[in-house]
Amino acid sequence: MRSLERHRDVGAYALGVLDEADAFRFEDHLVECPWCAAHVTGFRPATRQLMLYRRATPRTVRPLAHPGPRLLDRLLGELSHRRRARRRRLLYGLAASVVLAVAGPGLVAFAGHAGPPAARITSATDPRTGVWAQVTSEDRTWGSDLRLEIEDGSEPRRCRLVAVGRDGTEEVVAGWTGTGDGTRPLGATGASALHPGQIARYEVRTDAGRRLVTLKAP
């Protein structure tokens, strides 16, 4: 697959409609392409909404059936909630800028104490495989920003990081090809539509589905 074709597969990968072979090839490309990584992250909210629709829809309903009023009300309500929250943040930011302009530098000294939520870190070593991994998650408006460090000295192999939600939802959030060199950690980045508080655990798996290490979410 040429590079341009891989770029075109970003939407299909984010929505989970690529077959397994194409998904593995795209994950290799994703590790080296910041442009595609950013676009996969941008698709997360839409993917999350489609996942919620699928879980809320009985299996007997045809895929092309029109959504009922309850689902539409939920989607519209969530959109309205997000718009109100965005408007409140804008107003708070405007009010804060006015206060800072009036109060002068005396108030600015206290502004540094408030910051973004602290990152959540979890690590584990599997006694069977000997694989060690650490996941750092940071909350974002769209979900979670994730960083992985892993030590796997067994053999070169293709792996993936899977986030498992408290509701049983599974989401592949990163992919890489291990070198089999366990002398130093390998790093990878990813993103999830689930917020850190919605994630129950992380699992590092091979492309064949073998679980190498499980990390309980903090």
Protein backbone atom coordinates (compact mmCIF):
# COMPACT_ATOMS: atom_id res chain seq x y z
CA MET A 1 0.00 0.00 0.00
CA ARG A 2 1.42 3.39 -1.00
CA SER A 3 1.78 6.24 1.49
CA LEU A 4 -1.05 8.25 -0.07
CA GLU A 5 -3.41 5.26 0.19
CA ARG A 6 -2.48 4.86 3.85
CA HIS A 7 -3.39 8.50 4.47
CA ARG A 8 -6.79 7.86 2.89
CA ASP A 9 -7.41 4.95 5.26
CA VAL A 10 -7.32 7.13 8.39
CA GLY A 11 -11.12 7.49 8.58
CA ALA A 12 -11.77 3.80 7.94
CA TYR A 13 -9.23 2.83 10.61
CA ALA A 14 -10.67 5.23 13.20
CA LEU A 15 -14.18 3.86 12.58
CA GLY A 16 -12.95 0.25 12.78
CA VAL A 17 -14.03 -0.84 9.28
CA LEU A 18 -10.62 -1.93 7.96
CA ASP A 19 -9.98 -5.66 7.80
CA GLU A 20 -7.37 -7.08 10.17
CA ALA A 21 -4.50 -7.14 7.65
CA ASP A 22 -5.07 -3.54 6.49
CA ALA A 23 -5.48 -2.40 10.11
CA PHE A 24 -2.07 -3.89 11.03
CA ARG A 25 -0.43 -2.20 8.03
CA PHE A 26 -2.02 1.12 8.92
CA GLU A 27 -0.86 0.84 12.56
CA ASP A 28 2.73 0.48 11.31
CA HIS A 29 2.21 3.61 9.23
CA LEU A 30 0.54 5.39 12.18
CA VAL A 31 3.67 5.10 14.33
CA GLU A 32 5.64 7.17 11.78
CA CYS A 33 2.95 9.61 10.61
CA PRO A 34 1.99 12.48 12.97
CA TRP A 35 -0.57 13.73 10.41
CA CYS A 36 -2.56 10.47 10.52
CA ALA A 37 -2.18 10.20 14.32
CA ALA A 38 -3.72 13.66 14.72
CA HIS A 39 -6.62 12.78 12.39
CA VAL A 40 -7.30 9.48 14.19
CA THR A 41 -7.55 11.48 17.40
CA GLY A 42 -9.97 13.88 15.72
CA PHE A 43 -12.24 10.96 14.78
CA ARG A 44 -12.50 9.73 18.40
CA PRO A 45 -15.66 11.69 19.38
CA ALA A 46 -17.50 10.49 16.26
CA THR A 47 -16.35 6.92 16.89
CA ARG A 48 -17.56 7.14 20.47
CA GLN A 49 -21.03 8.32 19.37
CA LEU A 50 -21.32 5.50 16.83
CA MET A 51 -20.26 3.00 19.50
CA LEU A 52 -22.94 4.32 21.86
CA TYR A 53 -25.53 4.06 19.07
CA ARG A 54 -24.50 0.47 18.33
CA ARG A 55 -24.72 -0.56 21.99
CA ALA A 56 -28.09 1.15 22.44
CA THR A 57 -29.56 -0.50 19.33
CA PRO A 58 -31.02 -4.05 19.61
CA ARG A 59 -29.59 -6.66 17.24
CA THR A 60 -33.01 -7.06 15.60
CA VAL A 61 -32.93 -3.47 14.30
CA ARG A 62 -31.77 -3.14 10.70
CA PRO A 63 -28.45 -1.24 10.28
CA LEU A 64 -30.08 1.40 8.07
CA ALA A 65 -33.06 2.00 10.37
CA HIS A 66 -33.74 5.61 11.27
CA PRO A 67 -32.79 6.57 14.85
CA GLY A 68 -35.71 6.90 17.24
CA PRO A 69 -36.64 10.04 19.15
CA ARG A 70 -34.94 8.87 22.38
CA LEU A 71 -31.54 8.55 20.68
CA LEU A 72 -31.99 11.86 18.90
CA ASP A 73 -32.94 13.51 22.19
CA ARG A 74 -29.81 12.07 23.85
CA LEU A 75 -27.54 13.28 21.04
CA LEU A 76 -29.14 16.72 20.93
CA GLY A 77 -29.00 16.95 24.72
CA GLU A 78 -25.30 16.08 24.74
CA LEU A 79 -24.59 18.64 22.02
CA SER A 80 -26.49 21.29 23.96
CA HIS A 81 -24.59 20.39 27.15
CA ARG A 82 -21.25 20.70 25.36
CA ARG A 83 -22.22 24.04 23.85
CA ARG A 84 -23.29 25.38 27.26
CA ALA A 85 -20.06 24.14 28.82
CA ARG A 86 -18.01 25.75 26.02
CA ARG A 87 -19.93 29.00 26.46
CA ARG A 88 -19.34 28.95 30.24
CA ARG A 89 -15.62 28.38 29.74
CA LEU A 90 -15.51 31.31 27.31
CA LEU A 91 -17.33 33.58 29.77
CA TYR A 92 -15.13 32.48 32.68
CA GLY A 93 -12.04 33.10 30.61
CA LEU A 94 -13.28 36.56 29.64
CA ALA A 95 -14.13 37.39 33.26
CA ALA A 96 -10.73 36.17 34.43
CA SER A 97 -8.95 38.32 31.85
CA VAL A 98 -10.87 41.38 33.04
CA VAL A 99 -9.99 40.66 36.68
CA LEU A 100 -6.32 40.21 35.83
CA ALA A 101 -6.30 43.43 33.85
CA VAL A 102 -7.79 45.36 36.80
CA ALA A 103 -5.92 43.67 39.65
CA GLY A 104 -2.51 43.86 38.04
CA PRO A 105 0.53 41.68 38.72
CA GLY A 106 -0.36 41.16 42.41
CA LEU A 107 -3.03 38.64 41.45
CA VAL A 108 -1.01 36.96 38.74
CA ALA A 109 1.30 35.48 41.36
CA PHE A 110 -1.54 33.22 42.55
CA ALA A 111 -2.66 32.13 39.09
CA GLY A 112 0.02 29.52 38.71
CA HIS A 113 -1.45 27.28 41.42
CA ALA A 114 -4.38 26.17 39.24
CA GLY A 115 -3.43 23.81 36.43
CA PRO A 116 -4.70 20.90 34.35
CA PRO A 117 -5.64 17.62 36.07
CA ALA A 118 -2.63 15.56 37.10
CA ALA A 119 -1.57 12.72 34.84
CA ARG A 120 -2.50 9.19 35.93
CA ILE A 121 0.30 6.62 35.86
CA THR A 122 0.00 2.85 36.14
CA SER A 123 2.64 0.14 35.62
CA ALA A 124 2.85 -3.63 35.88
CA THR A 125 5.07 -6.63 35.09
CA ASP A 126 3.59 -9.92 33.94
CA PRO A 127 5.34 -12.82 35.77
CA ARG A 128 4.60 -15.23 32.90
CA THR A 129 5.90 -13.18 29.98
CA GLY A 130 8.35 -10.93 31.83
CA VAL A 131 6.96 -7.90 29.97
CA TRP A 132 6.93 -4.61 31.88
CA ALA A 133 4.78 -1.66 30.80
CA GLN A 134 3.76 1.76 32.07
CA VAL A 135 0.85 3.87 30.82
CA THR A 136 0.46 7.59 31.49
CA SER A 137 -3.00 9.01 30.80
CA GLU A 138 -4.08 12.65 30.72
CA ASP A 139 -7.70 13.78 30.59
CA ARG A 140 -8.76 15.80 27.54
CA THR A 141 -12.11 17.21 26.46
CA TRP A 142 -12.40 14.49 23.80
CA GLY A 143 -11.10 11.56 25.93
CA SER A 144 -7.57 10.53 26.99
CA ASP A 145 -4.09 11.31 25.77
CA LEU A 146 -1.90 8.22 26.37
CA ARG A 147 1.83 7.51 26.56
CA LEU A 148 3.21 3.97 26.79
CA GLU A 149 6.62 2.68 27.86
CA ILE A 150 7.30 -1.04 27.48
CA GLU A 151 10.21 -3.43 28.02
CA ASP A 152 9.89 -6.69 26.07
CA GLY A 153 13.09 -8.65 25.52
CA SER A 154 11.61 -11.87 24.20
CA GLU A 155 11.46 -11.44 20.40
CA PRO A 156 10.56 -8.90 17.71
CA ARG A 157 6.78 -8.83 17.30
CA ARG A 158 3.91 -6.55 16.45
CA CYS A 159 1.83 -5.43 19.42
CA ARG A 160 -1.02 -3.15 20.33
CA LEU A 161 -2.27 -1.33 23.41
CA VAL A 162 -5.96 -1.89 24.16
CA ALA A 163 -8.00 0.26 26.55
CA VAL A 164 -10.86 -1.67 28.20
CA GLY A 165 -13.70 0.49 29.50
CA ARG A 166 -15.60 -0.11 32.72
CA ASP A 167 -18.59 -0.98 30.51
CA GLY A 168 -16.60 -3.65 28.65
CA THR A 169 -15.83 -1.48 25.62
CA GLU A 170 -12.48 -2.28 23.97
CA GLU A 171 -10.51 0.24 21.94
CA VAL A 172 -7.11 -0.17 20.23
CA VAL A 173 -5.26 3.02 21.15
CA ALA A 174 -1.70 2.37 19.88
CA GLY A 175 0.29 -0.05 17.78
CA TRP A 176 3.99 -0.73 17.27
CA THR A 177 6.56 -3.32 16.22
CA GLY A 178 8.81 -4.44 19.07
CA THR A 179 12.53 -4.95 18.50
CA GLY A 180 13.00 -7.66 21.10
CA ASP A 181 15.69 -5.54 22.77
CA GLY A 182 14.79 -5.48 26.47
CA THR A 183 17.74 -3.31 27.49
CA ARG A 184 15.77 -0.06 27.19
CA PRO A 185 12.05 0.82 27.15
CA LEU A 186 10.20 1.33 23.89
CA GLY A 187 7.87 4.34 23.75
CA ALA A 188 4.56 4.78 21.92
CA THR A 189 1.76 7.34 22.02
CA GLY A 190 -1.97 7.00 21.47
CA ALA A 191 -5.40 8.39 22.26
CA SER A 192 -8.76 7.08 23.43
CA ALA A 193 -12.31 8.39 23.24
CA LEU A 194 -12.73 7.14 26.82
CA HIS A 195 -11.81 9.49 29.65
CA PRO A 196 -9.30 8.14 32.23
CA GLY A 197 -12.07 7.58 34.78
CA GLN A 198 -13.99 5.44 32.26
CA ILE A 199 -11.07 3.03 31.67
CA ALA A 200 -10.86 -0.10 33.84
CA ARG A 201 -7.56 -1.50 32.54
CA TYR A 202 -5.04 -1.52 29.71
CA GLU A 203 -3.84 -4.66 27.94
CA VAL A 204 -0.75 -5.12 25.78
CA ARG A 205 -1.48 -7.80 23.19
CA THR A 206 0.33 -9.31 20.22
CA ASP A 207 -1.22 -9.13 16.77
CA ALA A 208 -2.30 -12.74 17.32
CA GLY A 209 -4.30 -11.71 20.39
CA ARG A 210 -1.95 -13.05 23.09
CA ARG A 211 -2.05 -10.89 26.23
CA LEU A 212 1.46 -9.90 27.34
CA VAL A 213 0.68 -7.70 30.35
CA THR A 214 -2.39 -6.16 31.99
CA LEU A 215 -2.31 -2.79 33.76
CA LYS A 216 -5.09 -1.79 36.12
CA ALA A 217 -6.18 1.81 35.54
CA PRO A 218 -5.55 4.10 38.54
